Every structure is written in C-alpha cells, then in structure tokens.
Amino acid sequence: MLLDVRTYTCRPGTIKKHLALYEAKGKGPQTRHLGQPFAYLTTETGNVNQYIHIWAYENAGDRETKRAAMWADPEWLAYTQESAALGALESQENRLMTPVSFFPITR
C-alpha cells in the first residue's frame, strides 16, 4: 500500500471558503477517479490554517494511473482553475509513505 499524505496551508481567513469550494466542485471529480480518501482532516491544534488529506493506492503505478485520469477530467481542471482564482492556498507538501510491517493498515 502507498499512502499519499498531502498537507495544505491556506492564507489566514480563507480555509472555510477553500474547503467549501472543494466540497462543491472538487470532491466529485476527485473521488470519481481516486475513490474515497483514507482521511480528510482539518487542524484542531497547531496551525489552524492547514488541512491534510490522505489517499491510499495499491502502488505507485496505481497512483499514477488514477491521478492521470483525474488531471484529464475537464471538471477537475475547472475546479483547479477556480481554486487558483480564489487564491487561498499558500503552500502544499506531499509525502508518499508506506506502512511498517508491524502496524499494517487494514481497510
């Protein structure tokens, strides 16, 4: 299993607008191609302008295939343009991670 852990940081005061736009226009096309996320989380302590989502894939090839299909979807592209126009995102960090053998993830 390959986990794609993504941390996004929004400009102060914009996270609610950003997440509302995603829910309205990005969630549908993204989950159509990637399936349901392993987790989609907002921060309760620490940097309250951050949120994290984690996507699970069988392997790197599965991730590449699914993400290529998503980026070919006009609905996803329209969402990304609207998100860019909103200007809420300050930064993004992605990490590809695998579970250790002694704590396997069961889904």
C-alpha atoms as a PDB file:
ATOM      1  CA  MET A   1       0.000   0.000   0.000  1.00  0.00           C
ATOM      2  CA  LEU A   2       1.166   3.512  -0.834  1.00  0.00           C
ATOM      3  CA  LEU A   3      -0.217   6.483   1.087  1.00  0.00           C
ATOM      4  CA  ASP A   4      -0.170   9.963  -0.440  1.00  0.00           C
ATOM      5  CA  VAL A   5      -0.158  12.342   2.531  1.00  0.00           C
ATOM      6  CA  ARG A   6      -0.928  15.920   1.488  1.00  0.00           C
ATOM      7  CA  THR A   7      -0.710  18.955   3.771  1.00  0.00           C
ATOM      8  CA  TYR A   8      -2.153  22.230   2.508  1.00  0.00           C
ATOM      9  CA  THR A   9      -1.731  25.619   4.144  1.00  0.00           C
ATOM     10  CA  CYS A  10      -4.248  28.369   3.406  1.00  0.00           C
ATOM     11  CA  ARG A  11      -3.888  32.098   3.876  1.00  0.00           C
ATOM     12  CA  PRO A  12      -5.413  33.130   7.211  1.00  0.00           C
ATOM     13  CA  GLY A  13      -9.162  33.568   6.971  1.00  0.00           C
ATOM     14  CA  THR A  14      -9.597  31.588   3.730  1.00  0.00           C
ATOM     15  CA  ILE A  15      -9.706  27.914   4.734  1.00  0.00           C
ATOM     16  CA  LYS A  16     -13.511  27.768   5.058  1.00  0.00           C
ATOM     17  CA  LYS A  17     -14.007  29.280   1.585  1.00  0.00           C
ATOM     18  CA  HIS A  18     -11.389  26.967   0.125  1.00  0.00           C
ATOM     19  CA  LEU A  19     -12.919  23.820   1.648  1.00  0.00           C
ATOM     20  CA  ALA A  20     -16.434  24.925   0.618  1.00  0.00           C
ATOM     21  CA  LEU A  21     -15.245  25.302  -2.984  1.00  0.00           C
ATOM     22  CA  TYR A  22     -13.635  21.863  -2.853  1.00  0.00           C
ATOM     23  CA  GLU A  23     -16.789  20.287  -1.436  1.00  0.00           C
ATOM     24  CA  ALA A  24     -18.943  21.915  -4.118  1.00  0.00           C
ATOM     25  CA  LYS A  25     -16.712  21.435  -7.168  1.00  0.00           C
ATOM     26  CA  GLY A  26     -13.600  19.354  -6.449  1.00  0.00           C
ATOM     27  CA  LYS A  27     -14.789  16.459  -4.316  1.00  0.00           C
ATOM     28  CA  GLY A  28     -16.940  14.895  -7.047  1.00  0.00           C
ATOM     29  CA  PRO A  29     -14.329  14.602  -9.788  1.00  0.00           C
ATOM     30  CA  GLN A  30     -11.514  13.760  -7.381  1.00  0.00           C
ATOM     31  CA  THR A  31     -13.334  10.899  -5.661  1.00  0.00           C
ATOM     32  CA  ARG A  32     -14.636   9.675  -9.018  1.00  0.00           C
ATOM     33  CA  HIS A  33     -11.025   8.995 -10.027  1.00  0.00           C
ATOM     34  CA  LEU A  34      -9.248   8.341  -6.710  1.00  0.00           C
ATOM     35  CA  GLY A  35     -12.015   6.778  -4.638  1.00  0.00           C
ATOM     36  CA  GLN A  36     -12.705   7.858  -1.063  1.00  0.00           C
ATOM     37  CA  PRO A  37      -9.755   9.322   0.839  1.00  0.00           C
ATOM     38  CA  PHE A  38      -8.239   7.361   3.697  1.00  0.00           C
ATOM     39  CA  ALA A  39      -8.667  10.571   5.734  1.00  0.00           C
ATOM     40  CA  TYR A  40      -9.551  14.224   5.121  1.00  0.00           C
ATOM     41  CA  LEU A  41      -8.760  16.295   8.208  1.00  0.00           C
ATOM     42  CA  THR A  42      -8.743  19.868   9.466  1.00  0.00           C
ATOM     43  CA  THR A  43      -6.419  21.008  12.227  1.00  0.00           C
ATOM     44  CA  GLU A  44      -7.783  21.427  15.726  1.00  0.00           C
ATOM     45  CA  THR A  45      -4.491  22.454  17.351  1.00  0.00           C
ATOM     46  CA  GLY A  46      -1.369  23.862  15.775  1.00  0.00           C
ATOM     47  CA  ASN A  47      -1.703  25.742  12.502  1.00  0.00           C
ATOM     48  CA  VAL A  48      -5.476  26.131  12.093  1.00  0.00           C
ATOM     49  CA  ASN A  49      -4.925  27.261   8.504  1.00  0.00           C
ATOM     50  CA  GLN A  50      -3.817  23.745   7.500  1.00  0.00           C
ATOM     51  CA  TYR A  51      -5.664  20.639   6.453  1.00  0.00           C
ATOM     52  CA  ILE A  52      -4.462  17.183   5.500  1.00  0.00           C
ATOM     53  CA  HIS A  53      -5.827  14.535   3.229  1.00  0.00           C
ATOM     54  CA  ILE A  54      -4.502  11.026   2.738  1.00  0.00           C
ATOM     55  CA  TRP A  55      -5.148   8.865  -0.322  1.00  0.00           C
ATOM     56  CA  ALA A  56      -4.405   5.144  -0.426  1.00  0.00           C
ATOM     57  CA  TYR A  57      -3.128   3.396  -3.546  1.00  0.00           C
ATOM     58  CA  GLU A  58      -2.057  -0.144  -4.275  1.00  0.00           C
ATOM     59  CA  ASN A  59       1.335   1.081  -5.541  1.00  0.00           C
ATOM     60  CA  ALA A  60       2.992   3.908  -7.480  1.00  0.00           C
ATOM     61  CA  GLY A  61       1.560   2.685 -10.790  1.00  0.00           C
ATOM     62  CA  ASP A  62      -1.981   2.722  -9.399  1.00  0.00           C
ATOM     63  CA  ARG A  63      -1.429   6.284  -8.135  1.00  0.00           C
ATOM     64  CA  GLU A  64      -0.018   7.425 -11.462  1.00  0.00           C
ATOM     65  CA  THR A  65      -2.902   5.927 -13.473  1.00  0.00           C
ATOM     66  CA  LYS A  66      -5.630   7.348 -11.242  1.00  0.00           C
ATOM     67  CA  ARG A  67      -4.084  10.811 -10.994  1.00  0.00           C
ATOM     68  CA  ALA A  68      -3.526  10.988 -14.773  1.00  0.00           C
ATOM     69  CA  ALA A  69      -7.215  10.234 -15.337  1.00  0.00           C
ATOM     70  CA  MET A  70      -8.181  12.906 -12.798  1.00  0.00           C
ATOM     71  CA  TRP A  71      -5.975  15.511 -14.481  1.00  0.00           C
ATOM     72  CA  ALA A  72      -7.593  14.679 -17.838  1.00  0.00           C
ATOM     73  CA  ASP A  73     -11.083  15.357 -16.417  1.00  0.00           C
ATOM     74  CA  PRO A  74     -12.453  18.764 -17.504  1.00  0.00           C
ATOM     75  CA  GLU A  75     -14.496  19.025 -14.300  1.00  0.00           C
ATOM     76  CA  TRP A  76     -11.340  18.631 -12.175  1.00  0.00           C
ATOM     77  CA  LEU A  77      -9.465  21.149 -14.309  1.00  0.00           C
ATOM     78  CA  ALA A  78     -12.301  23.677 -13.916  1.00  0.00           C
ATOM     79  CA  TYR A  79     -12.163  23.211 -10.152  1.00  0.00           C
ATOM     80  CA  THR A  80      -8.393  23.748 -10.040  1.00  0.00           C
ATOM     81  CA  GLN A  81      -8.759  26.973 -12.025  1.00  0.00           C
ATOM     82  CA  GLU A  82     -11.452  28.234  -9.663  1.00  0.00           C
ATOM     83  CA  SER A  83      -9.315  27.257  -6.675  1.00  0.00           C
ATOM     84  CA  ALA A  84      -6.356  29.162  -8.117  1.00  0.00           C
ATOM     85  CA  ALA A  85      -8.554  32.220  -8.711  1.00  0.00           C
ATOM     86  CA  LEU A  86      -9.707  32.074  -5.077  1.00  0.00           C
ATOM     87  CA  GLY A  87      -6.047  32.388  -4.055  1.00  0.00           C
ATOM     88  CA  ALA A  88      -6.468  30.680  -0.695  1.00  0.00           C
ATOM     89  CA  LEU A  89      -3.545  28.259  -0.872  1.00  0.00           C
ATOM     90  CA  GLU A  90      -0.155  29.370   0.417  1.00  0.00           C
ATOM     91  CA  SER A  91       1.685  26.051   0.255  1.00  0.00           C
ATOM     92  CA  GLN A  92       1.383  22.336  -0.276  1.00  0.00           C
ATOM     93  CA  GLU A  93       3.512  19.451   0.957  1.00  0.00           C
ATOM     94  CA  ASN A  94       3.149  15.897  -0.375  1.00  0.00           C
ATOM     95  CA  ARG A  95       4.706  12.766   1.078  1.00  0.00           C
ATOM     96  CA  LEU A  96       4.409   9.253  -0.303  1.00  0.00           C
ATOM     97  CA  MET A  97       4.553   6.807   2.601  1.00  0.00           C
ATOM     98  CA  THR A  98       4.251   3.069   3.208  1.00  0.00           C
ATOM     99  CA  PRO A  99       3.062   1.370   6.397  1.00  0.00           C
ATOM    100  CA  VAL A 100       5.540  -0.547   8.520  1.00  0.00           C
ATOM    101  CA  SER A 101       5.156  -4.325   8.642  1.00  0.00           C
ATOM    102  CA  PHE A 102       4.292  -4.450  12.347  1.00  0.00           C
ATOM    103  CA  PHE A 103       1.355  -1.998  12.003  1.00  0.00           C
ATOM    104  CA  PRO A 104      -0.351  -2.937   8.737  1.00  0.00           C
ATOM    105  CA  ILE A 105      -3.287  -0.868   7.575  1.00  0.00           C
ATOM    106  CA  THR A 106      -6.439  -2.867   7.203  1.00  0.00           C
ATOM    107  CA  ARG A 107      -9.104  -1.317   5.066  1.00  0.00           C
END
